[in-house]
Amino acid sequence: MPVPGPGYSITVRLEAPPSASAAGDLTTAVGRAGGVITAFDVVESHNDRVVIDLTCNALSANHAKDITDTLETLPGIVVRKVSDRTFLVHLGGKIEISSKVPLRNRDDLSRAYTPGVARVCEAIAKNPDDARRLTIKRNTVAVVTDGSAVLGLGNLGPAAALPVMEGKAALFKKFAGVDAWPVCLDTQDTEEIIRAVELIAPVYGGINLEDISAPRCFEIEARLREKLDIPVFHDDQHGTAIVVVAALRNALRVVGKDIKDCRITVCGVGAAGSAIIRLLQAQEPGDIIAVDVDGIVHRDRPGLDSNLKSIAASTNKENQSGRLHDALVGSDVFIGVSAPNLFGADQVATMAKDAIVFALANPDPEIDPMEAQQHAAVVATGRSDFPNQINNVLAFPGVFRGLLDAHAKTITDAMLLAAASAIADVVDGDRLNASFIVPSVFDNTVAPAVAEAVRKAATS
């Protein structure tokens, strides 16, 4: 199923004989090893040798090494250096701070700093709301993590989470012009996290919680929303839920079904799954069956935590028990935010006619998309190498742009649903089909549309 991609791209600098067959030998070797060449550059030429930079995509770090080892077996080839292009992108970090005002002379300095800045400080002291107008607060978001649930990698801690938070900040700036900054906290104590965010909040116009494990993330978000006068948004929950709801609305249009008549199976009841269920409930689906590692969530199942008890009370109308395969029987929709390779084409065949499968576990989904397509009418994943990528970047930049523009003090389900509708509406009727239910993450109309929808919802 997987194909070599840019996430494991390497550049091999090597010496080769100056023969007419050298290029063909190199490209054939890479192909034989399963790599995909993306660039072939001669950087030096001599009478007895040429120096070549050969760039190719691989499946994994081990696969990249296999490609390099294969090249080294060719007669006359000397590998000088192998550069991992992903690590090169991260050298020195991916973001920086730059000044918005010139500091060319004493006059500039006197206004931007002392003595002129004192007058601005006094104005804010008299009217704290002026901080939104006169400081970076009006356009700045804290990307807060404790590193306890980094991507699909688990509890890596705050330092290892920093590259992800930097990337998030870069996306904020790229897609919505929002200045975001990583705040990686060296604690996984719920009380300490809440207090730390409370203490830094005066600088920011919003808080984006990221990669904090469930169920702690639920309490942290809820209590911060109570304490702070700025919106708090856990992207792993609500960003995912927004894009899933948007994609599902369009997928149902493709198959001609009404959500009120649909039975939806949601596999994975952590941060993302719980938020998806709660946002879907606002649209009154026929029924939702939640499934976790212990099977179908039902009211009589022992050992439910508070989150699962709440979900059990509002889903699974017939109080069905069993495993994932049981839940899939007759379901119109499968939404997975769980683990790889949980079922196959035979189980999709037991679903309702014109089934919809959103297999969003990353990097390996709950079912091979090619298998799902044997019986499902619409298939989506979290991957960029298949159609219908469900990606949070469609949501969070525009959501915060709208919240900041509205000077919002909180965030509501109405705003989340407005964002979902805006994303879905970008895919107009002329473009909508089974392979195109959500816009590209690089569609520059998405973030402004989401921002405007959220702003209107926040100010209505």
Protein backbone atom coordinates (compact mmCIF):
# COMPACT_ATOMS: atom_id res chain seq x y z
CA MET A 1 0.00 0.00 0.00
CA PRO A 2 2.55 2.70 1.00
CA VAL A 3 4.55 4.41 -1.71
CA PRO A 4 7.89 6.19 -1.29
CA GLY A 5 7.27 9.79 -0.24
CA PRO A 6 9.06 13.02 0.67
CA GLY A 7 8.92 12.25 4.40
CA TYR A 8 11.85 9.89 3.81
CA SER A 9 13.71 11.78 1.10
CA ILE A 10 17.50 11.50 0.90
CA THR A 11 20.19 13.10 -1.21
CA VAL A 12 23.16 10.83 -1.91
CA ARG A 13 26.35 12.55 -3.04
CA LEU A 14 28.44 10.02 -4.92
CA GLU A 15 31.28 9.66 -7.36
CA ALA A 16 30.67 7.77 -10.60
CA PRO A 17 32.77 6.89 -13.66
CA PRO A 18 32.35 9.41 -16.52
CA SER A 19 30.75 6.75 -18.71
CA ALA A 20 27.64 7.03 -20.86
CA SER A 21 25.96 4.25 -18.87
CA ALA A 22 26.55 5.68 -15.39
CA ALA A 23 23.27 7.56 -15.14
CA GLY A 24 21.27 4.57 -16.32
CA ASP A 25 23.04 2.25 -13.91
CA LEU A 26 22.28 4.56 -10.96
CA THR A 27 18.61 5.09 -11.79
CA THR A 28 18.11 1.38 -12.43
CA ALA A 29 19.69 0.53 -9.07
CA VAL A 30 17.43 2.94 -7.19
CA GLY A 31 14.38 1.56 -8.98
CA ARG A 32 15.42 -2.01 -8.21
CA ALA A 33 15.67 -1.08 -4.53
CA GLY A 34 12.14 0.40 -4.62
CA GLY A 35 13.10 4.08 -4.43
CA VAL A 36 11.70 6.95 -6.52
CA ILE A 37 14.21 9.41 -7.99
CA THR A 38 13.14 13.06 -7.78
CA ALA A 39 16.37 14.81 -8.84
CA PHE A 40 19.64 13.92 -10.57
CA ASP A 41 22.26 16.69 -10.50
CA VAL A 42 25.86 16.65 -11.70
CA VAL A 43 27.70 18.95 -9.26
CA GLU A 44 31.28 18.33 -10.41
CA SER A 45 32.81 16.96 -13.59
CA HIS A 46 36.39 15.69 -14.01
CA ASN A 47 38.26 13.63 -16.60
CA ASP A 48 38.18 10.53 -14.45
CA ARG A 49 34.90 10.94 -12.52
CA VAL A 50 31.69 12.90 -12.03
CA VAL A 51 30.16 13.89 -8.70
CA ILE A 52 26.40 13.47 -8.61
CA ASP A 53 23.68 14.43 -6.13
CA LEU A 54 21.00 11.77 -6.45
CA THR A 55 17.78 12.64 -4.62
CA CYS A 56 15.12 10.01 -4.06
CA ASN A 57 12.10 9.16 -1.92
CA ALA A 58 11.99 6.07 0.28
CA LEU A 59 9.45 4.25 2.45
CA SER A 60 11.35 4.47 5.73
CA ALA A 61 14.75 5.15 7.24
CA ASN A 62 15.67 1.49 6.81
CA HIS A 63 14.53 1.59 3.19
CA ALA A 64 16.69 4.68 2.59
CA LYS A 65 19.68 2.74 3.91
CA ASP A 66 18.83 -0.18 1.60
CA ILE A 67 18.86 2.20 -1.38
CA THR A 68 22.24 3.60 -0.36
CA ASP A 69 23.65 0.10 0.17
CA THR A 70 22.44 -0.89 -3.30
CA LEU A 71 24.18 2.10 -4.87
CA GLU A 72 27.42 1.23 -3.13
CA THR A 73 27.47 -2.23 -4.75
CA LEU A 74 27.72 -0.75 -8.26
CA PRO A 75 31.20 -0.96 -9.85
CA GLY A 76 33.11 2.32 -9.62
CA ILE A 77 30.54 4.05 -7.37
CA VAL A 78 31.75 5.76 -4.21
CA VAL A 79 29.13 7.18 -1.83
CA ARG A 80 30.53 10.30 -0.22
CA LYS A 81 27.62 11.44 1.94
CA VAL A 82 23.94 10.77 2.57
CA SER A 83 21.74 13.68 3.69
CA ASP A 84 18.27 13.14 5.15
CA ARG A 85 16.32 16.02 3.62
CA THR A 86 13.73 16.02 6.43
CA PHE A 87 16.41 16.59 9.06
CA LEU A 88 17.92 19.36 6.91
CA VAL A 89 14.56 21.19 6.99
CA HIS A 90 14.64 21.14 10.79
CA LEU A 91 18.24 22.32 11.31
CA GLY A 92 18.14 25.35 13.61
CA GLY A 93 14.35 25.18 13.87
CA LYS A 94 11.63 26.21 11.41
CA ILE A 95 10.42 29.55 12.79
CA GLU A 96 11.88 32.87 13.93
CA ILE A 97 10.83 36.24 15.34
CA SER A 98 11.18 39.36 13.21
CA SER A 99 10.44 43.00 13.98
CA LYS A 100 7.43 44.68 12.35
CA VAL A 101 8.82 48.17 12.91
CA PRO A 102 12.10 49.75 11.76
CA LEU A 103 14.78 50.56 14.32
CA ARG A 104 16.99 52.80 12.20
CA ASN A 105 17.85 55.64 14.58
CA ARG A 106 17.30 57.15 18.01
CA ASP A 107 13.85 58.45 17.07
CA ASP A 108 12.67 54.96 16.14
CA LEU A 109 14.15 53.53 19.33
CA SER A 110 12.52 56.21 21.47
CA ARG A 111 9.08 55.34 20.16
CA ALA A 112 9.43 51.54 20.03
CA TYR A 113 11.21 51.33 23.37
CA THR A 114 12.06 53.78 26.11
CA PRO A 115 10.93 56.45 26.82
CA GLY A 116 7.92 56.31 24.47
CA VAL A 117 6.84 52.78 25.35
CA ALA A 118 6.08 53.91 28.91
CA ARG A 119 3.05 55.83 27.72
CA VAL A 120 1.67 52.73 26.04
CA CYS A 121 2.23 50.68 29.22
CA GLU A 122 0.31 53.26 31.24
CA ALA A 123 -2.55 53.23 28.73
CA ILE A 124 -2.89 49.44 29.04
CA ALA A 125 -2.70 49.63 32.84
CA LYS A 126 -5.69 52.01 32.77
CA ASN A 127 -7.61 49.94 30.19
CA PRO A 128 -6.42 46.29 29.99
CA ASP A 129 -8.54 45.67 26.89
CA ASP A 130 -6.13 47.91 25.01
CA ALA A 131 -3.60 45.04 25.13
CA ARG A 132 -5.43 43.51 22.17
CA ARG A 133 -5.03 46.75 20.21
CA LEU A 134 -1.53 47.81 21.21
CA THR A 135 0.43 44.55 21.56
CA ILE A 136 1.06 41.24 19.82
CA LYS A 137 -1.84 39.76 21.78
CA ARG A 138 -4.24 40.64 18.97
CA ASN A 139 -2.59 38.18 16.57
CA THR A 140 -0.72 35.67 18.74
CA VAL A 141 -1.52 32.10 19.76
CA ALA A 142 0.32 29.81 22.18
CA VAL A 143 0.76 26.24 20.91
CA VAL A 144 0.87 24.38 24.23
CA THR A 145 1.91 20.77 24.81
CA ASP A 146 3.32 18.50 27.48
CA GLY A 147 4.59 16.01 24.90
CA SER A 148 2.44 13.18 26.24
CA ALA A 149 0.79 12.21 22.93
CA VAL A 150 3.07 13.35 20.10
CA LEU A 151 1.54 12.46 16.73
CA GLY A 152 1.14 8.68 16.79
CA LEU A 153 4.45 8.25 18.62
CA GLY A 154 3.26 8.38 22.23
CA ASN A 155 4.76 10.05 25.28
CA LEU A 156 8.00 11.59 23.97
CA GLY A 157 8.18 14.54 26.35
CA PRO A 158 8.38 18.30 25.73
CA ALA A 159 11.73 18.55 23.94
CA ALA A 160 10.86 15.87 21.40
CA ALA A 161 7.46 17.54 20.87
CA LEU A 162 9.06 20.85 19.90
CA PRO A 163 9.54 20.06 16.17
CA VAL A 164 5.81 19.37 15.87
CA MET A 165 4.89 22.58 17.69
CA GLU A 166 7.27 24.56 15.47
CA GLY A 167 5.60 23.04 12.43
CA LYS A 168 2.20 23.99 13.81
CA ALA A 169 3.37 27.57 14.29
CA ALA A 170 4.68 27.67 10.73
CA LEU A 171 1.30 26.48 9.43
CA PHE A 172 -0.52 29.15 11.42
CA LYS A 173 1.60 31.81 9.76
CA LYS A 174 1.50 30.32 6.27
CA PHE A 175 -2.23 29.76 6.01
CA ALA A 176 -3.75 32.47 8.21
CA GLY A 177 -1.09 35.07 9.04
CA VAL A 178 -1.35 34.16 12.74
CA ASP A 179 1.77 34.51 14.89
CA ALA A 180 2.01 31.33 16.95
CA TRP A 181 4.73 30.20 19.34
CA PRO A 182 5.54 26.76 20.81
CA VAL A 183 5.13 26.41 24.56
CA CYS A 184 6.41 22.96 25.56
CA LEU A 185 5.87 22.40 29.27
CA ASP A 186 8.18 20.16 31.28
CA THR A 187 5.36 18.66 33.32
CA GLN A 188 2.53 16.21 32.78
CA ASP A 189 0.74 17.15 35.95
CA THR A 190 -2.74 18.43 35.10
CA GLU A 191 -2.74 21.12 37.80
CA GLU A 192 0.69 22.41 36.80
CA ILE A 193 -0.27 22.59 33.12
CA ILE A 194 -3.44 24.53 33.90
CA ARG A 195 -1.57 26.94 36.15
CA ALA A 196 1.29 27.41 33.67
CA VAL A 197 -1.10 28.30 30.83
CA GLU A 198 -3.05 30.59 33.14
CA LEU A 199 0.19 32.43 33.97
CA ILE A 200 1.28 32.99 30.36
CA ALA A 201 -2.19 33.81 29.01
CA PRO A 202 -1.87 37.64 29.13
CA VAL A 203 0.49 37.52 26.12
CA TYR A 204 -1.86 35.57 23.84
CA GLY A 205 -5.16 36.01 22.05
CA GLY A 206 -5.80 32.26 22.05
CA ILE A 207 -4.49 28.94 23.32
CA ASN A 208 -4.04 25.94 21.03
CA LEU A 209 -3.58 22.79 23.08
CA GLU A 210 -1.71 20.09 21.20
CA ASP A 211 -0.60 16.48 21.71
CA ILE A 212 -1.82 16.16 25.31
CA SER A 213 -3.02 12.65 26.12
CA ALA A 214 -6.59 11.70 26.94
CA PRO A 215 -8.37 11.80 29.29
CA ARG A 216 -6.30 14.60 30.88
CA CYS A 217 -6.78 16.80 27.83
CA PHE A 218 -10.53 16.98 28.46
CA GLU A 219 -10.13 18.36 31.97
CA ILE A 220 -7.29 20.71 31.01
CA GLU A 221 -9.30 22.26 28.19
CA ALA A 222 -12.53 22.52 30.19
CA ARG A 223 -10.91 24.19 33.18
CA LEU A 224 -8.85 26.59 31.09
CA ARG A 225 -11.99 27.65 29.27
CA GLU A 226 -13.53 28.47 32.64
CA LYS A 227 -10.51 30.40 33.86
CA LEU A 228 -9.38 32.38 30.80
CA ASP A 229 -10.94 35.23 28.84
CA ILE A 230 -9.45 33.98 25.56
CA PRO A 231 -10.50 30.96 23.47
CA VAL A 232 -8.93 27.59 24.29
CA PHE A 233 -8.96 25.03 21.49
CA HIS A 234 -7.57 21.49 21.63
CA ASP A 235 -6.74 20.83 18.00
CA ASP A 236 -6.43 17.06 18.37
CA GLN A 237 -10.06 17.10 19.45
CA HIS A 238 -11.83 19.90 17.67
CA GLY A 239 -9.65 20.45 14.61
CA THR A 240 -10.07 16.81 13.68
CA ALA A 241 -13.80 16.90 14.43
CA ILE A 242 -14.34 19.97 12.25
CA VAL A 243 -12.68 18.44 9.19
CA VAL A 244 -14.38 15.07 9.69
CA VAL A 245 -17.82 16.72 9.90
CA ALA A 246 -17.04 18.77 6.77
CA ALA A 247 -15.86 15.71 4.86
CA LEU A 248 -18.81 13.61 5.99
CA ARG A 249 -21.29 16.25 4.87
CA ASN A 250 -19.87 16.13 1.37
CA ALA A 251 -19.47 12.34 1.34
CA LEU A 252 -23.15 11.98 2.21
CA ARG A 253 -23.98 14.31 -0.66
CA VAL A 254 -22.03 12.01 -3.00
CA VAL A 255 -23.98 8.90 -1.92
CA GLY A 256 -27.30 10.69 -1.51
CA LYS A 257 -27.88 9.93 2.17
CA ASP A 258 -29.19 12.06 5.05
CA ILE A 259 -27.14 11.92 8.26
CA LYS A 260 -30.38 11.59 10.23
CA ASP A 261 -30.85 8.17 8.62
CA CYS A 262 -27.25 7.00 9.09
CA ARG A 263 -25.68 4.60 11.52
CA ILE A 264 -22.11 5.76 12.19
CA THR A 265 -19.35 3.64 13.74
CA VAL A 266 -16.54 5.64 15.37
CA CYS A 267 -13.46 3.59 16.25
CA GLY A 268 -11.19 5.28 18.79
CA VAL A 269 -12.69 7.17 21.72
CA GLY A 270 -9.74 9.25 22.82
CA ALA A 271 -9.38 12.97 22.23
CA ALA A 272 -10.25 12.97 18.52
CA GLY A 273 -12.93 10.28 18.61
CA SER A 274 -14.76 11.81 21.54
CA ALA A 275 -14.83 15.25 19.91
CA ILE A 276 -15.98 13.78 16.59
CA ILE A 277 -18.85 12.00 18.32
CA ARG A 278 -19.95 15.13 20.17
CA LEU A 279 -19.83 17.37 17.10
CA LEU A 280 -21.67 14.76 15.00
CA GLN A 281 -24.39 14.57 17.66
CA ALA A 282 -25.21 18.21 16.99
CA GLN A 283 -26.35 17.04 13.53
CA GLU A 284 -28.67 14.36 14.93
CA PRO A 285 -27.41 11.20 13.17
CA GLY A 286 -29.55 8.07 13.21
CA ASP A 287 -27.17 6.43 15.69
CA ILE A 288 -23.51 6.39 16.65
CA ILE A 289 -21.68 3.26 17.80
CA ALA A 290 -18.42 4.02 19.61
CA VAL A 291 -15.69 1.37 19.71
CA ASP A 292 -12.41 1.34 21.60
CA VAL A 293 -9.73 -1.26 22.31
CA ASP A 294 -12.16 -3.11 24.62
CA GLY A 295 -14.96 -3.25 22.08
CA ILE A 296 -18.28 -1.46 21.63
CA VAL A 297 -18.99 1.20 24.24
CA HIS A 298 -22.35 0.42 25.87
CA ARG A 299 -24.09 1.40 29.07
CA ASP A 300 -23.61 -1.97 30.79
CA ARG A 301 -19.91 -2.31 30.07
CA PRO A 302 -17.89 -2.35 33.30
CA GLY A 303 -14.93 -0.08 33.98
CA LEU A 304 -16.03 2.95 31.94
CA ASP A 305 -14.28 6.23 32.82
CA SER A 306 -16.24 9.48 32.97
CA ASN A 307 -15.69 10.25 29.29
CA LEU A 308 -16.85 6.82 28.16
CA LYS A 309 -19.84 6.92 30.52
CA SER A 310 -20.92 10.19 28.92
CA ILE A 311 -20.55 8.73 25.43
CA ALA A 312 -22.35 5.51 26.38
CA ALA A 313 -25.28 7.53 27.72
CA SER A 314 -25.78 9.42 24.45
CA THR A 315 -24.96 6.80 21.78
CA ASN A 316 -25.72 3.17 20.90
CA LYS A 317 -29.51 3.36 21.17
CA GLU A 318 -29.93 -0.42 21.23
CA ASN A 319 -27.12 -0.87 23.77
CA GLN A 320 -25.27 -3.24 21.41
CA SER A 321 -22.17 -5.05 22.65
CA GLY A 322 -19.42 -6.84 20.77
CA ARG A 323 -16.29 -5.98 18.81
CA LEU A 324 -15.50 -3.64 15.93
CA HIS A 325 -16.51 -6.20 13.30
CA ASP A 326 -19.94 -6.45 14.96
CA ALA A 327 -20.34 -2.67 14.96
CA LEU A 328 -19.55 -2.43 11.25
CA VAL A 329 -22.46 -4.67 10.23
CA GLY A 330 -25.11 -2.43 8.67
CA SER A 331 -23.22 0.80 9.35
CA ASP A 332 -23.45 3.54 6.75
CA VAL A 333 -20.27 5.26 7.92
CA PHE A 334 -17.00 4.17 9.54
CA ILE A 335 -14.75 6.83 11.12
CA GLY A 336 -11.47 5.56 12.52
CA VAL A 337 -9.03 7.51 14.67
CA SER A 338 -7.46 4.51 16.32
CA ALA A 339 -4.87 1.96 15.13
CA PRO A 340 -3.66 0.37 11.89
CA ASN A 341 -4.97 -2.71 10.09
CA LEU A 342 -8.07 -3.48 12.17
CA PHE A 343 -10.26 -4.90 9.41
CA GLY A 344 -10.41 -5.67 5.72
CA ALA A 345 -12.60 -5.73 2.64
CA ASP A 346 -14.75 -8.58 4.00
CA GLN A 347 -15.89 -6.40 6.89
CA VAL A 348 -16.61 -3.42 4.62
CA ALA A 349 -18.85 -5.76 2.62
CA THR A 350 -21.05 -6.17 5.73
CA MET A 351 -21.69 -2.43 5.92
CA ALA A 352 -24.72 -0.76 4.35
CA LYS A 353 -24.89 -0.10 0.62
CA ASP A 354 -22.82 2.92 -0.55
CA ALA A 355 -20.78 2.83 2.64
CA ILE A 356 -18.40 5.62 3.62
CA VAL A 357 -15.03 4.74 5.18
CA PHE A 358 -12.83 7.36 6.87
CA ALA A 359 -9.73 5.41 7.99
CA LEU A 360 -7.69 8.17 9.61
CA ALA A 361 -5.06 6.40 11.70
CA ASN A 362 -1.64 7.71 10.65
CA PRO A 363 0.62 6.74 9.03
CA ASP A 364 -1.10 3.36 8.55
CA PRO A 365 -4.91 3.46 8.46
CA GLU A 366 -7.39 1.03 10.00
CA ILE A 367 -7.86 -0.56 6.59
CA ASP A 368 -5.84 -0.48 3.38
CA PRO A 369 -7.66 2.15 1.27
CA MET A 370 -7.43 -0.09 -1.78
CA GLU A 371 -9.25 -2.83 0.11
CA ALA A 372 -11.87 -0.41 1.39
CA GLN A 373 -12.56 0.78 -2.15
CA GLN A 374 -13.66 -2.72 -3.14
CA HIS A 375 -16.97 -2.17 -1.36
CA ALA A 376 -17.12 1.42 -0.04
CA ALA A 377 -18.46 4.27 -2.19
CA VAL A 378 -16.26 6.94 -0.57
CA VAL A 379 -12.90 6.40 1.17
CA ALA A 380 -10.81 8.99 3.03
CA THR A 381 -7.57 8.73 5.01
CA GLY A 382 -5.20 11.00 6.89
CA ARG A 383 -2.48 10.42 4.30
CA SER A 384 -1.35 12.80 1.57
CA ASP A 385 -0.73 10.02 -0.97
CA PHE A 386 -4.41 9.03 -1.30
CA PRO A 387 -7.46 11.09 -2.30
CA ASN A 388 -9.58 12.78 0.38
CA GLN A 389 -6.96 13.63 2.99
CA ILE A 390 -8.60 14.58 6.29
CA ASN A 391 -6.08 17.09 7.64
CA ASN A 392 -6.45 19.49 10.58
CA VAL A 393 -4.63 22.21 8.67
CA LEU A 394 -7.90 22.78 6.82
CA ALA A 395 -9.39 23.97 10.11
CA PHE A 396 -7.16 25.42 12.81
CA PRO A 397 -5.52 28.35 10.97
CA GLY A 398 -8.84 29.75 9.80
CA VAL A 399 -10.54 29.02 13.13
CA PHE A 400 -7.99 31.07 15.07
CA ARG A 401 -7.93 33.80 12.42
CA GLY A 402 -11.67 34.19 12.93
CA LEU A 403 -11.43 34.04 16.72
CA LEU A 404 -8.69 36.68 16.81
CA ASP A 405 -10.50 38.96 14.38
CA ALA A 406 -13.65 38.73 16.50
CA HIS A 407 -11.68 39.35 19.74
CA ALA A 408 -13.46 36.23 20.95
CA LYS A 409 -13.24 35.28 24.61
CA THR A 410 -14.39 31.69 24.17
CA ILE A 411 -15.23 29.10 21.51
CA THR A 412 -18.54 27.31 21.02
CA ASP A 413 -19.93 24.36 19.09
CA ALA A 414 -21.72 26.85 16.83
CA MET A 415 -18.33 28.22 15.77
CA LEU A 416 -16.95 24.71 15.18
CA LEU A 417 -19.94 23.79 13.02
CA ALA A 418 -19.64 27.07 11.12
CA ALA A 419 -16.02 26.19 10.36
CA ALA A 420 -17.03 22.72 9.16
CA SER A 421 -19.70 24.15 6.87
CA ALA A 422 -17.24 26.64 5.42
CA ILE A 423 -14.73 23.88 4.59
CA ALA A 424 -17.44 21.73 3.01
CA ASP A 425 -18.79 24.66 0.96
CA VAL A 426 -15.39 25.25 -0.67
CA VAL A 427 -16.03 22.04 -2.63
CA ASP A 428 -18.84 23.22 -4.87
CA GLY A 429 -21.21 20.94 -6.74
CA ASP A 430 -19.21 21.03 -9.95
CA ARG A 431 -16.11 19.58 -8.26
CA LEU A 432 -17.69 17.23 -5.73
CA ASN A 433 -17.14 13.53 -6.35
CA ALA A 434 -16.12 10.38 -4.49
CA SER A 435 -12.43 11.27 -4.79
CA PHE A 436 -12.81 14.95 -3.88
CA ILE A 437 -14.90 15.60 -0.78
CA VAL A 438 -12.57 18.09 0.93
CA PRO A 439 -10.42 20.86 -0.57
CA SER A 440 -6.66 20.68 -0.81
CA VAL A 441 -4.71 21.93 2.18
CA PHE A 442 -3.06 24.35 -0.26
CA ASP A 443 -6.36 25.85 -1.43
CA ASN A 444 -5.88 29.48 -0.39
CA THR A 445 -9.63 30.09 -0.22
CA VAL A 446 -10.13 27.72 2.73
CA ALA A 447 -8.63 29.66 5.66
CA PRO A 448 -10.35 32.98 4.76
CA ALA A 449 -13.69 31.19 4.35
CA VAL A 450 -13.30 29.44 7.71
CA ALA A 451 -12.15 32.65 9.39
CA GLU A 452 -15.13 34.62 8.14
CA ALA A 453 -17.58 31.89 9.18
CA VAL A 454 -16.07 31.69 12.68
CA ARG A 455 -15.96 35.50 13.01
CA LYS A 456 -19.65 35.75 12.12
CA ALA A 457 -20.57 32.97 14.53
CA ALA A 458 -18.50 34.61 17.28
CA THR A 459 -20.12 38.00 16.86
CA SER A 460 -23.72 36.91 16.24
